[in-house]
Amino acid sequence: MGVLRSASKNLAKVLHEEEALTLLYPLAKKYYEYKIVFGGVVERVSTPQRSVPLLFSLCDGWAVPDYYKEVLCTYAEKGAKEYILTSLREQVSSPNPYARRLTVVAWHNLLNKRMATPVEAFKHFQLLEKDENYYVQMALAWLLAEMSIRYPCEMQDFLTQHPIQSHKVAQMYQQKRRDSLRLFPRKEKKSQRPSYSTDNY
């Protein structure tokens, strides 16, 4: 992955937006390595309006969305937060389960960078809660497990008002949460309940 990231950085120095989209996208449709390179290049030289739909179309396995979530967050940090949040909502109805997975895992980075709020993430969870695809379910469970560690008070409030509807997701969430607590036992502490704006969702 380090080599691919370095290649992306170097290519971004010599390719313009149109060249990146024209030359790299066809290769990215065929080869995993070029999917990573494509994401790294377009986040530097292309607009989200042109590249984000292509990123979603390239999701063909669980690993690709887990990398592209970083690209989406970078765009949000550069001022395209509203566009990214809108794209996440729109892709919820995608027939591609890995595109739907990307709409879930993207919240990890958005929350970490304080580009979104727990309330927004919970609302997105509800949009996909009954999704039957395994990789989407795992992404939902992972998101809730992480949020239960970082935002325990908000998580408790959410589950009190909105119990998890999917039995599978509920089971996966409990397992993921146990795993997270074993790995990061010191991270579970009372939330300070920071004030967030929910105007973006």
Protein backbone atom coordinates (compact mmCIF):
# COMPACT_ATOMS: atom_id res chain seq x y z
CA MET A 1 0.00 0.00 0.00
CA GLY A 2 2.86 2.39 0.75
CA VAL A 3 4.26 1.91 -2.75
CA LEU A 4 0.87 2.57 -4.32
CA ARG A 5 0.39 5.72 -2.27
CA SER A 6 3.81 6.96 -3.33
CA ALA A 7 2.98 6.23 -6.97
CA SER A 8 -0.27 8.18 -6.62
CA LYS A 9 1.57 11.18 -5.22
CA ASN A 10 4.12 11.16 -8.02
CA LEU A 11 1.51 10.75 -10.77
CA ALA A 12 -0.52 13.62 -9.35
CA LYS A 13 2.46 15.88 -10.03
CA VAL A 14 2.42 15.18 -13.77
CA LEU A 15 -1.22 14.42 -14.60
CA HIS A 16 -4.00 16.94 -15.06
CA GLU A 17 -7.58 16.10 -14.14
CA GLU A 18 -8.66 15.03 -17.61
CA GLU A 19 -5.56 12.88 -18.07
CA ALA A 20 -6.07 11.18 -14.73
CA LEU A 21 -9.69 10.37 -15.45
CA THR A 22 -9.08 9.26 -19.03
CA LEU A 23 -5.92 7.20 -18.48
CA LEU A 24 -6.36 5.75 -14.99
CA TYR A 25 -10.07 5.03 -14.71
CA PRO A 26 -10.14 2.29 -17.38
CA LEU A 27 -7.18 0.61 -15.66
CA ALA A 28 -8.82 0.99 -12.26
CA LYS A 29 -11.89 -0.85 -13.55
CA LYS A 30 -9.67 -3.89 -14.23
CA TYR A 31 -6.93 -3.93 -11.59
CA TYR A 32 -7.04 -3.50 -7.83
CA GLU A 33 -3.68 -1.70 -7.70
CA TYR A 34 -4.93 0.95 -10.09
CA LYS A 35 -8.04 1.46 -7.97
CA ILE A 36 -5.76 2.59 -5.16
CA VAL A 37 -3.63 4.72 -7.46
CA PHE A 38 -6.71 6.27 -9.04
CA GLY A 39 -8.10 7.28 -5.65
CA GLY A 40 -4.81 8.80 -4.58
CA VAL A 41 -4.45 10.80 -7.78
CA VAL A 42 -7.98 12.14 -8.16
CA GLU A 43 -8.12 13.40 -4.59
CA ARG A 44 -5.22 15.69 -5.53
CA VAL A 45 -6.09 16.76 -9.09
CA SER A 46 -9.84 16.26 -9.62
CA THR A 47 -13.04 17.77 -8.29
CA PRO A 48 -15.34 15.62 -6.15
CA GLN A 49 -18.19 16.25 -8.58
CA ARG A 50 -16.28 14.41 -11.29
CA SER A 51 -14.44 11.78 -9.30
CA VAL A 52 -16.71 10.70 -6.46
CA PRO A 53 -19.28 8.94 -8.70
CA LEU A 54 -16.36 7.08 -10.29
CA LEU A 55 -15.01 6.05 -6.91
CA PHE A 56 -18.33 4.53 -5.97
CA SER A 57 -18.47 2.68 -9.29
CA LEU A 58 -15.03 1.13 -8.62
CA CYS A 59 -16.06 -0.47 -5.32
CA ASP A 60 -15.97 -4.20 -6.05
CA GLY A 61 -14.82 -5.66 -2.74
CA TRP A 62 -14.61 -4.76 0.93
CA ALA A 63 -11.03 -3.42 0.77
CA VAL A 64 -11.62 -0.70 -1.83
CA PRO A 65 -14.32 1.17 0.14
CA ASP A 66 -12.13 0.99 3.24
CA TYR A 67 -9.46 2.96 1.33
CA TYR A 68 -11.80 5.33 -0.53
CA LYS A 69 -13.29 6.53 2.76
CA GLU A 70 -10.06 8.47 3.23
CA VAL A 71 -10.46 10.12 -0.17
CA LEU A 72 -14.02 11.19 0.61
CA CYS A 73 -12.92 12.69 3.91
CA THR A 74 -10.13 14.60 2.18
CA TYR A 75 -12.66 16.14 -0.19
CA ALA A 76 -14.86 17.07 2.77
CA GLU A 77 -11.91 18.76 4.48
CA LYS A 78 -11.22 20.73 1.30
CA GLY A 79 -14.67 22.29 1.41
CA ALA A 80 -16.90 19.72 -0.30
CA LYS A 81 -18.54 18.38 2.87
CA GLU A 82 -22.08 19.06 1.70
CA TYR A 83 -21.46 17.29 -1.58
CA ILE A 84 -19.92 14.28 0.18
CA LEU A 85 -22.82 13.96 2.64
CA THR A 86 -25.30 14.21 -0.22
CA SER A 87 -23.41 11.54 -2.16
CA LEU A 88 -23.47 9.21 0.84
CA ARG A 89 -27.25 9.53 1.08
CA GLU A 90 -27.74 9.01 -2.64
CA GLN A 91 -25.57 5.89 -2.78
CA VAL A 92 -27.62 4.19 -0.07
CA SER A 93 -29.90 2.96 -2.87
CA SER A 94 -27.05 1.73 -5.07
CA PRO A 95 -27.44 -1.86 -6.33
CA ASN A 96 -23.72 -2.29 -5.62
CA PRO A 97 -23.32 -3.53 -2.02
CA TYR A 98 -19.71 -2.37 -1.87
CA ALA A 99 -20.77 1.16 -2.81
CA ARG A 100 -23.30 0.96 0.01
CA ARG A 101 -20.50 -0.23 2.30
CA LEU A 102 -18.49 2.88 1.39
CA THR A 103 -21.41 5.08 2.51
CA VAL A 104 -21.05 3.49 5.96
CA VAL A 105 -17.30 3.25 6.49
CA ALA A 106 -16.85 6.85 5.34
CA TRP A 107 -18.35 7.99 8.65
CA HIS A 108 -15.31 6.76 10.58
CA ASN A 109 -13.08 9.36 8.97
CA LEU A 110 -15.71 12.08 8.91
CA LEU A 111 -16.29 11.66 12.65
CA ASN A 112 -12.59 11.44 13.44
CA LYS A 113 -11.99 14.73 11.62
CA ARG A 114 -15.09 16.31 13.19
CA MET A 115 -16.57 16.83 9.74
CA ALA A 116 -19.83 15.22 10.84
CA THR A 117 -21.79 14.55 14.01
CA PRO A 118 -22.85 11.34 15.77
CA VAL A 119 -26.48 12.26 15.09
CA GLU A 120 -25.79 12.37 11.35
CA ALA A 121 -24.03 9.01 11.51
CA PHE A 122 -26.92 7.44 13.43
CA LYS A 123 -29.39 8.73 10.84
CA HIS A 124 -27.32 7.19 8.08
CA PHE A 125 -27.18 3.90 9.97
CA GLN A 126 -30.97 3.81 10.01
CA LEU A 127 -31.09 4.17 6.21
CA LEU A 128 -29.19 0.90 5.78
CA GLU A 129 -30.08 -0.93 8.96
CA LYS A 130 -32.11 -3.60 7.17
CA ASP A 131 -29.60 -4.16 4.37
CA GLU A 132 -29.08 -7.91 3.95
CA ASN A 133 -25.60 -7.84 2.44
CA TYR A 134 -22.96 -9.26 4.78
CA TYR A 135 -20.32 -6.62 4.04
CA VAL A 136 -22.77 -3.79 4.59
CA GLN A 137 -23.92 -5.39 7.84
CA MET A 138 -20.34 -5.73 9.02
CA ALA A 139 -19.69 -2.08 8.20
CA LEU A 140 -22.76 -1.03 10.18
CA ALA A 141 -21.69 -3.13 13.17
CA TRP A 142 -18.15 -1.74 12.98
CA LEU A 143 -19.45 1.84 12.91
CA LEU A 144 -21.69 1.31 15.94
CA ALA A 145 -18.91 -0.45 17.85
CA GLU A 146 -16.51 2.43 17.28
CA MET A 147 -19.15 4.98 18.21
CA SER A 148 -20.00 3.10 21.40
CA ILE A 149 -16.38 3.61 22.48
CA ARG A 150 -16.01 7.22 21.37
CA TYR A 151 -19.55 8.48 22.08
CA PRO A 152 -20.97 6.20 24.81
CA CYS A 153 -23.64 8.64 26.02
CA GLU A 154 -24.90 9.43 22.54
CA MET A 155 -24.83 5.72 21.70
CA GLN A 156 -26.87 4.82 24.75
CA ASP A 157 -29.44 7.49 23.93
CA PHE A 158 -29.68 6.29 20.33
CA LEU A 159 -30.16 2.62 21.22
CA THR A 160 -32.73 3.50 23.87
CA GLN A 161 -34.82 5.37 21.31
CA HIS A 162 -33.98 3.20 18.29
CA PRO A 163 -33.22 -0.45 19.14
CA ILE A 164 -31.32 -2.21 16.36
CA GLN A 165 -33.87 -3.77 14.03
CA SER A 166 -31.63 -6.35 12.38
CA HIS A 167 -30.81 -9.35 14.56
CA LYS A 168 -27.66 -10.04 12.51
CA VAL A 169 -26.41 -6.48 12.81
CA ALA A 170 -27.12 -6.53 16.54
CA GLN A 171 -25.08 -9.72 16.95
CA MET A 172 -22.22 -8.37 14.84
CA TYR A 173 -22.26 -5.11 16.79
CA GLN A 174 -21.92 -6.90 20.12
CA GLN A 175 -18.99 -8.93 18.82
CA LYS A 176 -17.27 -5.92 17.28
CA ARG A 177 -17.75 -3.97 20.49
CA ARG A 178 -16.20 -6.75 22.57
CA ASP A 179 -13.28 -6.86 20.15
CA SER A 180 -12.83 -3.09 20.35
CA LEU A 181 -12.88 -3.12 24.14
CA ARG A 182 -10.24 -5.84 24.25
CA LEU A 183 -8.00 -3.87 21.90
CA PHE A 184 -8.65 -0.41 23.36
CA PRO A 185 -9.83 -0.90 26.95
CA ARG A 186 -8.94 2.65 28.00
CA LYS A 187 -11.01 4.36 25.34
CA GLU A 188 -14.36 3.69 26.93
CA LYS A 189 -15.09 6.65 29.15
CA LYS A 190 -17.84 9.14 29.65
CA SER A 191 -18.58 11.36 26.71
CA GLN A 192 -18.31 15.10 27.24
CA ARG A 193 -21.34 15.55 24.99
CA PRO A 194 -19.80 18.26 22.79
CA SER A 195 -22.25 20.51 21.04
CA TYR A 196 -22.70 19.69 17.37
CA SER A 197 -24.57 21.34 14.58
CA THR A 198 -27.00 19.01 12.80
CA ASP A 199 -27.82 21.40 10.01
CA ASN A 200 -25.87 19.44 7.41
CA TYR A 201 -27.97 16.29 7.27
